[in-house]
Amino acid sequence: MKRIFLVCGSGICTSTAVAQKVSKALDERGLKGKYKIAQGKASEVAAQSSGYDLCISTTVLGGECHCPLVIGTQFLLGRNTEPIVDKIVEILQK
């Protein structure tokens, strides 16, 4: 099971919306049941990211990330997300 840490500024609203979109995209790519998404605040990345396979952030991170990082702001805009989904799938399949 791959672990994804999805973060935004507050760890609530934006990350919830993006988590739904990422889940849908990954499920459509045949990864249903192969990943788990945890949500958090951008300020928690430095302390918690080493326990994850991937971090997706919708905001600028103030600290260090200890796993592969993908910027997911395109999910908020709802366009041009395919290249980001491709990158996420590539990282998760390693």
PDB file of N, CA and C in Angstrom:
ATOM      1  N   MET A   1       0.855  -1.182   0.000  1.00  0.00           N
ATOM      2  CA  MET A   1       0.000   0.000   0.000  1.00  0.00           C
ATOM      3  C   MET A   1       0.894   1.235   0.000  1.00  0.00           C
ATOM      4  N   LYS A   2       0.729   2.080  -1.005  1.00  0.00           N
ATOM      5  CA  LYS A   2       1.484   3.327  -1.098  1.00  0.00           C
ATOM      6  C   LYS A   2       0.799   4.392  -0.253  1.00  0.00           C
ATOM      7  N   ARG A   3       1.599   5.203   0.394  1.00  0.00           N
ATOM      8  CA  ARG A   3       1.072   6.247   1.281  1.00  0.00           C
ATOM      9  C   ARG A   3       1.327   7.622   0.676  1.00  0.00           C
ATOM     10  N   ILE A   4       0.244   8.397   0.534  1.00  0.00           N
ATOM     11  CA  ILE A   4       0.306   9.743  -0.026  1.00  0.00           C
ATOM     12  C   ILE A   4      -0.043  10.743   1.073  1.00  0.00           C
ATOM     13  N   PHE A   5       0.775  11.769   1.212  1.00  0.00           N
ATOM     14  CA  PHE A   5       0.524  12.848   2.174  1.00  0.00           C
ATOM     15  C   PHE A   5       0.100  14.062   1.358  1.00  0.00           C
ATOM     16  N   LEU A   6      -1.163  14.435   1.443  1.00  0.00           N
ATOM     17  CA  LEU A   6      -1.706  15.545   0.682  1.00  0.00           C
ATOM     18  C   LEU A   6      -1.887  16.729   1.622  1.00  0.00           C
ATOM     19  N   VAL A   7      -1.197  17.818   1.317  1.00  0.00           N
ATOM     20  CA  VAL A   7      -1.199  18.953   2.240  1.00  0.00           C
ATOM     21  C   VAL A   7      -1.651  20.247   1.581  1.00  0.00           C
ATOM     22  N   CYS A   8      -2.243  21.089   2.431  1.00  0.00           N
ATOM     23  CA  CYS A   8      -2.611  22.451   2.036  1.00  0.00           C
ATOM     24  C   CYS A   8      -2.275  23.352   3.222  1.00  0.00           C
ATOM     25  N   GLY A   9      -2.671  24.583   3.163  1.00  0.00           N
ATOM     26  CA  GLY A   9      -2.334  25.526   4.238  1.00  0.00           C
ATOM     27  C   GLY A   9      -2.902  25.137   5.585  1.00  0.00           C
ATOM     28  N   SER A  10      -4.177  24.751   5.628  1.00  0.00           N
ATOM     29  CA  SER A  10      -4.833  24.439   6.901  1.00  0.00           C
ATOM     30  C   SER A  10      -5.002  22.950   7.151  1.00  0.00           C
ATOM     31  N   GLY A  11      -4.851  22.134   6.112  1.00  0.00           N
ATOM     32  CA  GLY A  11      -5.015  20.694   6.264  1.00  0.00           C
ATOM     33  C   GLY A  11      -6.458  20.239   6.225  1.00  0.00           C
ATOM     34  N   ILE A  12      -7.370  21.112   5.801  1.00  0.00           N
ATOM     35  CA  ILE A  12      -8.783  20.751   5.828  1.00  0.00           C
ATOM     36  C   ILE A  12      -9.448  20.909   4.458  1.00  0.00           C
ATOM     37  N   CYS A  13      -9.753  22.105   4.088  1.00  0.00           N
ATOM     38  CA  CYS A  13     -10.634  22.375   2.950  1.00  0.00           C
ATOM     39  C   CYS A  13     -10.016  22.018   1.595  1.00  0.00           C
ATOM     40  N   THR A  14      -8.939  22.672   1.256  1.00  0.00           N
ATOM     41  CA  THR A  14      -8.330  22.458  -0.058  1.00  0.00           C
ATOM     42  C   THR A  14      -7.835  21.031  -0.214  1.00  0.00           C
ATOM     43  N   SER A  15      -7.216  20.488   0.819  1.00  0.00           N
ATOM     44  CA  SER A  15      -6.693  19.121   0.714  1.00  0.00           C
ATOM     45  C   SER A  15      -7.823  18.111   0.545  1.00  0.00           C
ATOM     46  N   THR A  16      -8.980  18.372   1.122  1.00  0.00           N
ATOM     47  CA  THR A  16     -10.124  17.467   0.962  1.00  0.00           C
ATOM     48  C   THR A  16     -10.599  17.464  -0.488  1.00  0.00           C
ATOM     49  N   ALA A  17     -10.734  18.638  -1.080  1.00  0.00           N
ATOM     50  CA  ALA A  17     -11.178  18.736  -2.470  1.00  0.00           C
ATOM     51  C   ALA A  17     -10.182  18.059  -3.412  1.00  0.00           C
ATOM     52  N   VAL A  18      -8.904  18.299  -3.197  1.00  0.00           N
ATOM     53  CA  VAL A  18      -7.881  17.717  -4.055  1.00  0.00           C
ATOM     54  C   VAL A  18      -7.780  16.206  -3.826  1.00  0.00           C
ATOM     55  N   ALA A  19      -7.935  15.754  -2.607  1.00  0.00           N
ATOM     56  CA  ALA A  19      -7.882  14.314  -2.317  1.00  0.00           C
ATOM     57  C   ALA A  19      -8.950  13.562  -3.110  1.00  0.00           C
ATOM     58  N   GLN A  20     -10.128  14.135  -3.214  1.00  0.00           N
ATOM     59  CA  GLN A  20     -11.203  13.499  -3.983  1.00  0.00           C
ATOM     60  C   GLN A  20     -10.843  13.408  -5.459  1.00  0.00           C
ATOM     61  N   LYS A  21     -10.264  14.459  -5.991  1.00  0.00           N
ATOM     62  CA  LYS A  21      -9.883  14.474  -7.406  1.00  0.00           C
ATOM     63  C   LYS A  21      -8.726  13.515  -7.681  1.00  0.00           C
ATOM     64  N   VAL A  22      -7.753  13.480  -6.785  1.00  0.00           N
ATOM     65  CA  VAL A  22      -6.622  12.565  -6.950  1.00  0.00           C
ATOM     66  C   VAL A  22      -7.101  11.117  -6.854  1.00  0.00           C
ATOM     67  N   SER A  23      -7.955  10.827  -5.895  1.00  0.00           N
ATOM     68  CA  SER A  23      -8.483   9.468  -5.740  1.00  0.00           C
ATOM     69  C   SER A  23      -9.210   9.017  -6.996  1.00  0.00           C
ATOM     70  N   LYS A  24     -10.042   9.872  -7.525  1.00  0.00           N
ATOM     71  CA  LYS A  24     -10.786   9.534  -8.741  1.00  0.00           C
ATOM     72  C   LYS A  24      -9.835   9.252  -9.895  1.00  0.00           C
ATOM     73  N   ALA A  25      -8.834  10.110 -10.071  1.00  0.00           N
ATOM     74  CA  ALA A  25      -7.870   9.944 -11.155  1.00  0.00           C
ATOM     75  C   ALA A  25      -7.062   8.654 -10.996  1.00  0.00           C
ATOM     76  N   LEU A  26      -6.621   8.356  -9.782  1.00  0.00           N
ATOM     77  CA  LEU A  26      -5.837   7.139  -9.552  1.00  0.00           C
ATOM     78  C   LEU A  26      -6.691   5.889  -9.720  1.00  0.00           C
ATOM     79  N   ASP A  27      -7.924   5.935  -9.252  1.00  0.00           N
ATOM     80  CA  ASP A  27      -8.825   4.796  -9.427  1.00  0.00           C
ATOM     81  C   ASP A  27      -9.063   4.523 -10.904  1.00  0.00           C
ATOM     82  N   GLU A  28      -9.219   5.577 -11.695  1.00  0.00           N
ATOM     83  CA  GLU A  28      -9.420   5.429 -13.136  1.00  0.00           C
ATOM     84  C   GLU A  28      -8.188   4.855 -13.817  1.00  0.00           C
ATOM     85  N   ARG A  29      -7.036   5.004 -13.206  1.00  0.00           N
ATOM     86  CA  ARG A  29      -5.785   4.463 -13.754  1.00  0.00           C
ATOM     87  C   ARG A  29      -5.492   3.058 -13.233  1.00  0.00           C
ATOM     88  N   GLY A  30      -6.446   2.464 -12.536  1.00  0.00           N
ATOM     89  CA  GLY A  30      -6.287   1.092 -12.068  1.00  0.00           C
ATOM     90  C   GLY A  30      -5.560   0.930 -10.751  1.00  0.00           C
ATOM     91  N   LEU A  31      -5.452   1.994  -9.978  1.00  0.00           N
ATOM     92  CA  LEU A  31      -4.725   1.921  -8.711  1.00  0.00           C
ATOM     93  C   LEU A  31      -5.648   1.836  -7.491  1.00  0.00           C
ATOM     94  N   LYS A  32      -6.915   1.618  -7.711  1.00  0.00           N
ATOM     95  CA  LYS A  32      -7.861   1.541  -6.590  1.00  0.00           C
ATOM     96  C   LYS A  32      -7.411   0.463  -5.599  1.00  0.00           C
ATOM     97  N   GLY A  33      -7.383   0.826  -4.322  1.00  0.00           N
ATOM     98  CA  GLY A  33      -6.978  -0.105  -3.277  1.00  0.00           C
ATOM     99  C   GLY A  33      -5.477  -0.248  -3.104  1.00  0.00           C
ATOM    100  N   LYS A  34      -4.692   0.492  -3.879  1.00  0.00           N
ATOM    101  CA  LYS A  34      -3.237   0.370  -3.820  1.00  0.00           C
ATOM    102  C   LYS A  34      -2.567   1.580  -3.173  1.00  0.00           C
ATOM    103  N   TYR A  35      -3.376   2.507  -2.681  1.00  0.00           N
ATOM    104  CA  TYR A  35      -2.834   3.709  -2.065  1.00  0.00           C
ATOM    105  C   TYR A  35      -3.751   4.157  -0.931  1.00  0.00           C
ATOM    106  N   LYS A  36      -3.191   4.987  -0.074  1.00  0.00           N
ATOM    107  CA  LYS A  36      -3.955   5.588   1.013  1.00  0.00           C
ATOM    108  C   LYS A  36      -3.524   7.052   1.105  1.00  0.00           C
ATOM    109  N   ILE A  37      -4.512   7.948   1.192  1.00  0.00           N
ATOM    110  CA  ILE A  37      -4.221   9.373   1.269  1.00  0.00           C
ATOM    111  C   ILE A  37      -4.473   9.883   2.685  1.00  0.00           C
ATOM    112  N   ALA A  38      -3.467  10.536   3.232  1.00  0.00           N
ATOM    113  CA  ALA A  38      -3.615  11.227   4.517  1.00  0.00           C
ATOM    114  C   ALA A  38      -3.517  12.721   4.228  1.00  0.00           C
ATOM    115  N   GLN A  39      -4.300  13.506   4.934  1.00  0.00           N
ATOM    116  CA  GLN A  39      -4.293  14.949   4.742  1.00  0.00           C
ATOM    117  C   GLN A  39      -3.595  15.633   5.912  1.00  0.00           C
ATOM    118  N   GLY A  40      -2.981  16.770   5.610  1.00  0.00           N
ATOM    119  CA  GLY A  40      -2.311  17.506   6.658  1.00  0.00           C
ATOM    120  C   GLY A  40      -2.009  18.928   6.245  1.00  0.00           C
ATOM    121  N   LYS A  41      -1.341  19.617   7.151  1.00  0.00           N
ATOM    122  CA  LYS A  41      -0.944  21.009   6.927  1.00  0.00           C
ATOM    123  C   LYS A  41       0.439  21.041   6.287  1.00  0.00           C
ATOM    124  N   ALA A  42       0.666  22.061   5.482  1.00  0.00           N
ATOM    125  CA  ALA A  42       1.973  22.232   4.855  1.00  0.00           C
ATOM    126  C   ALA A  42       3.075  22.327   5.902  1.00  0.00           C
ATOM    127  N   SER A  43       2.768  22.894   7.041  1.00  0.00           N
ATOM    128  CA  SER A  43       3.769  23.045   8.106  1.00  0.00           C
ATOM    129  C   SER A  43       4.185  21.709   8.718  1.00  0.00           C
ATOM    130  N   GLU A  44       3.447  20.630   8.442  1.00  0.00           N
ATOM    131  CA  GLU A  44       3.760  19.306   8.997  1.00  0.00           C
ATOM    132  C   GLU A  44       4.659  18.468   8.087  1.00  0.00           C
ATOM    133  N   VAL A  45       4.913  18.942   6.877  1.00  0.00           N
ATOM    134  CA  VAL A  45       5.646  18.142   5.895  1.00  0.00           C
ATOM    135  C   VAL A  45       7.045  17.776   6.366  1.00  0.00           C
ATOM    136  N   ALA A  46       7.793  18.724   6.869  1.00  0.00           N
ATOM    137  CA  ALA A  46       9.175  18.444   7.287  1.00  0.00           C
ATOM    138  C   ALA A  46       9.236  17.340   8.340  1.00  0.00           C
ATOM    139  N   ALA A  47       8.308  17.351   9.269  1.00  0.00           N
ATOM    140  CA  ALA A  47       8.313  16.371  10.357  1.00  0.00           C
ATOM    141  C   ALA A  47       7.718  15.028   9.968  1.00  0.00           C
ATOM    142  N   GLN A  48       6.775  14.997   9.034  1.00  0.00           N
ATOM    143  CA  GLN A  48       6.037  13.763   8.774  1.00  0.00           C
ATOM    144  C   GLN A  48       6.286  13.107   7.415  1.00  0.00           C
ATOM    145  N   SER A  49       6.876  13.816   6.471  1.00  0.00           N
ATOM    146  CA  SER A  49       6.960  13.301   5.104  1.00  0.00           C
ATOM    147  C   SER A  49       7.827  12.054   4.936  1.00  0.00           C
ATOM    148  N   SER A  50       8.737  11.799   5.837  1.00  0.00           N
ATOM    149  CA  SER A  50       9.596  10.616   5.679  1.00  0.00           C
ATOM    150  C   SER A  50       8.807   9.314   5.786  1.00  0.00           C
ATOM    151  N   GLY A  51       7.623   9.363   6.326  1.00  0.00           N
ATOM    152  CA  GLY A  51       6.791   8.163   6.441  1.00  0.00           C
ATOM    153  C   GLY A  51       5.878   7.929   5.254  1.00  0.00           C
ATOM    154  N   TYR A  52       6.069   8.691   4.177  1.00  0.00           N
ATOM    155  CA  TYR A  52       5.188   8.603   3.009  1.00  0.00           C
ATOM    156  C   TYR A  52       5.975   8.302   1.742  1.00  0.00           C
ATOM    157  N   ASP A  53       5.266   7.775   0.748  1.00  0.00           N
ATOM    158  CA  ASP A  53       5.865   7.488  -0.556  1.00  0.00           C
ATOM    159  C   ASP A  53       5.803   8.694  -1.484  1.00  0.00           C
ATOM    160  N   LEU A  54       4.886   9.617  -1.187  1.00  0.00           N
ATOM    161  CA  LEU A  54       4.674  10.785  -2.033  1.00  0.00           C
ATOM    162  C   LEU A  54       3.984  11.876  -1.232  1.00  0.00           C
ATOM    163  N   CYS A  55       4.355  13.111  -1.504  1.00  0.00           N
ATOM    164  CA  CYS A  55       3.670  14.267  -0.926  1.00  0.00           C
ATOM    165  C   CYS A  55       3.110  15.096  -2.077  1.00  0.00           C
ATOM    166  N   ILE A  56       1.839  15.464  -1.969  1.00  0.00           N
ATOM    167  CA  ILE A  56       1.203  16.369  -2.921  1.00  0.00           C
ATOM    168  C   ILE A  56       0.837  17.617  -2.140  1.00  0.00           C
ATOM    169  N   SER A  57       1.311  18.754  -2.615  1.00  0.00           N
ATOM    170  CA  SER A  57       1.055  20.008  -1.920  1.00  0.00           C
ATOM    171  C   SER A  57       0.298  20.978  -2.821  1.00  0.00           C
ATOM    172  N   THR A  58      -0.644  21.700  -2.229  1.00  0.00           N
ATOM    173  CA  THR A  58      -1.371  22.724  -2.974  1.00  0.00           C
ATOM    174  C   THR A  58      -0.882  24.122  -2.604  1.00  0.00           C
ATOM    175  N   THR A  59       0.187  24.176  -1.842  1.00  0.00           N
ATOM    176  CA  THR A  59       0.732  25.463  -1.413  1.00  0.00           C
ATOM    177  C   THR A  59       2.253  25.371  -1.353  1.00  0.00           C
ATOM    178  N   VAL A  60       2.890  26.486  -1.213  1.00  0.00           N
ATOM    179  CA  VAL A  60       4.347  26.522  -1.082  1.00  0.00           C
ATOM    180  C   VAL A  60       4.729  25.963   0.282  1.00  0.00           C
ATOM    181  N   LEU A  61       5.703  25.076   0.281  1.00  0.00           N
ATOM    182  CA  LEU A  61       6.164  24.483   1.538  1.00  0.00           C
ATOM    183  C   LEU A  61       7.271  25.340   2.144  1.00  0.00           C
ATOM    184  N   GLY A  62       7.196  25.519   3.442  1.00  0.00           N
ATOM    185  CA  GLY A  62       8.199  26.311   4.129  1.00  0.00           C
ATOM    186  C   GLY A  62       9.389  25.501   4.599  1.00  0.00           C
ATOM    187  N   GLY A  63       9.263  24.180   4.578  1.00  0.00           N
ATOM    188  CA  GLY A  63      10.333  23.322   5.077  1.00  0.00           C
ATOM    189  C   GLY A  63      10.717  22.265   4.067  1.00  0.00           C
ATOM    190  N   GLU A  64      11.511  21.341   4.522  1.00  0.00           N
ATOM    191  CA  GLU A  64      12.035  20.277   3.694  1.00  0.00           C
ATOM    192  C   GLU A  64      11.023  19.138   3.559  1.00  0.00           C
ATOM    193  N   CYS A  65      11.017  18.500   2.402  1.00  0.00           N
ATOM    194  CA  CYS A  65      10.163  17.336   2.165  1.00  0.00           C
ATOM    195  C   CYS A  65      11.076  16.126   2.004  1.00  0.00           C
ATOM    196  N   HIS A  66      10.779  15.040   2.718  1.00  0.00           N
ATOM    197  CA  HIS A  66      11.649  13.861   2.744  1.00  0.00           C
ATOM    198  C   HIS A  66      11.130  12.706   1.896  1.00  0.00           C
ATOM    199  N   CYS A  67      10.299  13.016   0.913  1.00  0.00           N
ATOM    200  CA  CYS A  67       9.807  12.028  -0.043  1.00  0.00           C
ATOM    201  C   CYS A  67       9.553  12.773  -1.350  1.00  0.00           C
ATOM    202  N   PRO A  68       9.300  12.055  -2.441  1.00  0.00           N
ATOM    203  CA  PRO A  68       9.004  12.779  -3.687  1.00  0.00           C
ATOM    204  C   PRO A  68       7.839  13.750  -3.493  1.00  0.00           C
ATOM    205  N   LEU A  69       7.950  14.915  -4.124  1.00  0.00           N
ATOM    206  CA  LEU A  69       6.964  15.980  -3.970  1.00  0.00           C
ATOM    207  C   LEU A  69       6.374  16.356  -5.319  1.00  0.00           C
ATOM    208  N   VAL A  70       5.053  16.473  -5.360  1.00  0.00           N
ATOM    209  CA  VAL A  70       4.344  16.936  -6.547  1.00  0.00           C
ATOM    210  C   VAL A  70       3.500  18.135  -6.124  1.00  0.00           C
ATOM    211  N   ILE A  71       3.567  19.204  -6.897  1.00  0.00           N
ATOM    212  CA  ILE A  71       2.729  20.371  -6.640  1.00  0.00           C
ATOM    213  C   ILE A  71       1.386  20.138  -7.331  1.00  0.00           C
ATOM    214  N   GLY A  72       0.313  20.166  -6.553  1.00  0.00           N
ATOM    215  CA  GLY A  72      -1.007  19.809  -7.064  1.00  0.00           C
ATOM    216  C   GLY A  72      -1.972  20.952  -7.251  1.00  0.00           C
ATOM    217  N   THR A  73      -1.480  22.161  -7.452  1.00  0.00           N
ATOM    218  CA  THR A  73      -2.390  23.302  -7.604  1.00  0.00           C
ATOM    219  C   THR A  73      -3.275  23.190  -8.842  1.00  0.00           C
ATOM    220  N   GLN A  74      -2.846  22.468  -9.860  1.00  0.00           N
ATOM    221  CA  GLN A  74      -3.665  22.313 -11.064  1.00  0.00           C
ATOM    222  C   GLN A  74      -4.991  21.613 -10.756  1.00  0.00           C
ATOM    223  N   PHE A  75      -5.017  20.788  -9.715  1.00  0.00           N
ATOM    224  CA  PHE A  75      -6.269  20.133  -9.335  1.00  0.00           C
ATOM    225  C   PHE A  75      -7.294  21.161  -8.855  1.00  0.00           C
ATOM    226  N   LEU A  76      -6.824  22.257  -8.294  1.00  0.00           N
ATOM    227  CA  LEU A  76      -7.726  23.321  -7.853  1.00  0.00           C
ATOM    228  C   LEU A  76      -8.338  24.050  -9.035  1.00  0.00           C
ATOM    229  N   LEU A  77      -7.549  24.190 -10.097  1.00  0.00           N
ATOM    230  CA  LEU A  77      -8.014  24.872 -11.297  1.00  0.00           C
ATOM    231  C   LEU A  77      -8.880  23.964 -12.167  1.00  0.00           C
ATOM    232  N   GLY A  78      -8.692  22.658 -12.011  1.00  0.00           N
ATOM    233  CA  GLY A  78      -9.481  21.696 -12.769  1.00  0.00           C
ATOM    234  C   GLY A  78      -9.102  21.563 -14.230  1.00  0.00           C
ATOM    235  N   ARG A  79      -7.880  21.924 -14.561  1.00  0.00           N
ATOM    236  CA  ARG A  79      -7.436  21.775 -15.948  1.00  0.00           C
ATOM    237  C   ARG A  79      -5.961  21.410 -15.991  1.00  0.00           C
ATOM    238  N   ASN A  80      -5.603  20.741 -17.083  1.00  0.00           N
ATOM    239  CA  ASN A  80      -4.216  20.321 -17.301  1.00  0.00           C
ATOM    240  C   ASN A  80      -3.688  19.461 -16.147  1.00  0.00           C
ATOM    241  N   THR A  81      -4.532  18.559 -15.658  1.00  0.00           N
ATOM    242  CA  THR A  81      -4.116  17.696 -14.550  1.00  0.00           C
ATOM    243  C   THR A  81      -3.473  16.392 -15.020  1.00  0.00           C
ATOM    244  N   GLU A  82      -3.654  16.032 -16.276  1.00  0.00           N
ATOM    245  CA  GLU A  82      -3.121  14.754 -16.772  1.00  0.00           C
ATOM    246  C   GLU A  82      -1.608  14.613 -16.561  1.00  0.00           C
ATOM    247  N   PRO A  83      -0.797  15.634 -16.861  1.00  0.00           N
ATOM    248  CA  PRO A  83       0.646  15.485 -16.617  1.00  0.00           C
ATOM    249  C   PRO A  83       0.972  15.256 -15.135  1.00  0.00           C
ATOM    250  N   ILE A  84       0.198  15.860 -14.262  1.00  0.00           N
ATOM    251  CA  ILE A  84       0.427  15.681 -12.828  1.00  0.00           C
ATOM    252  C   ILE A  84       0.033  14.266 -12.412  1.00  0.00           C
ATOM    253  N   VAL A  85      -1.092  13.787 -12.920  1.00  0.00           N
ATOM    254  CA  VAL A  85      -1.522  12.421 -12.612  1.00  0.00           C
ATOM    255  C   VAL A  85      -0.492  11.428 -13.146  1.00  0.00           C
ATOM    256  N   ASP A  86       0.030  11.682 -14.344  1.00  0.00           N
ATOM    257  CA  ASP A  86       1.082  10.818 -14.903  1.00  0.00           C
ATOM    258  C   ASP A  86       2.277  10.741 -13.960  1.00  0.00           C
ATOM    259  N   LYS A  87       2.695  11.888 -13.442  1.00  0.00           N
ATOM    260  CA  LYS A  87       3.846  11.934 -12.531  1.00  0.00           C
ATOM    261  C   LYS A  87       3.543  11.190 -11.229  1.00  0.00           C
ATOM    262  N   ILE A  88       2.331  11.374 -10.693  1.00  0.00           N
ATOM    263  CA  ILE A  88       1.935  10.688  -9.457  1.00  0.00           C
ATOM    264  C   ILE A  88       1.958   9.176  -9.664  1.00  0.00           C
ATOM    265  N   VAL A  89       1.387   8.720 -10.779  1.00  0.00           N
ATOM    266  CA  VAL A  89       1.360   7.276 -11.065  1.00  0.00           C
ATOM    267  C   VAL A  89       2.782   6.745 -11.219  1.00  0.00           C
ATOM    268  N   GLU A  90       3.626   7.495 -11.915  1.00  0.00           N
ATOM    269  CA  GLU A  90       5.025   7.086 -12.097  1.00  0.00           C
ATOM    270  C   GLU A  90       5.729   6.898 -10.747  1.00  0.00           C
ATOM    271  N   ILE A  91       5.530   7.833  -9.849  1.00  0.00           N
ATOM    272  CA  ILE A  91       6.163   7.761  -8.526  1.00  0.00           C
ATOM    273  C   ILE A  91       5.607   6.582  -7.726  1.00  0.00           C
ATOM    274  N   LEU A  92       4.306   6.389  -7.766  1.00  0.00           N
ATOM    275  CA  LEU A  92       3.688   5.311  -6.988  1.00  0.00           C
ATOM    276  C   LEU A  92       4.034   3.932  -7.516  1.00  0.00           C
ATOM    277  N   GLN A  93       4.346   3.817  -8.778  1.00  0.00           N
ATOM    278  CA  GLN A  93       4.668   2.506  -9.356  1.00  0.00           C
ATOM    279  C   GLN A  93       6.129   2.136  -9.229  1.00  0.00           C
ATOM    280  N   LYS A  94       6.934   2.994  -8.653  1.00  0.00           N
ATOM    281  CA  LYS A  94       8.363   2.681  -8.431  1.00  0.00           C
ATOM    282  C   LYS A  94       8.526   1.707  -7.303  1.00  0.00           C
TER     283      LYS A  94
END
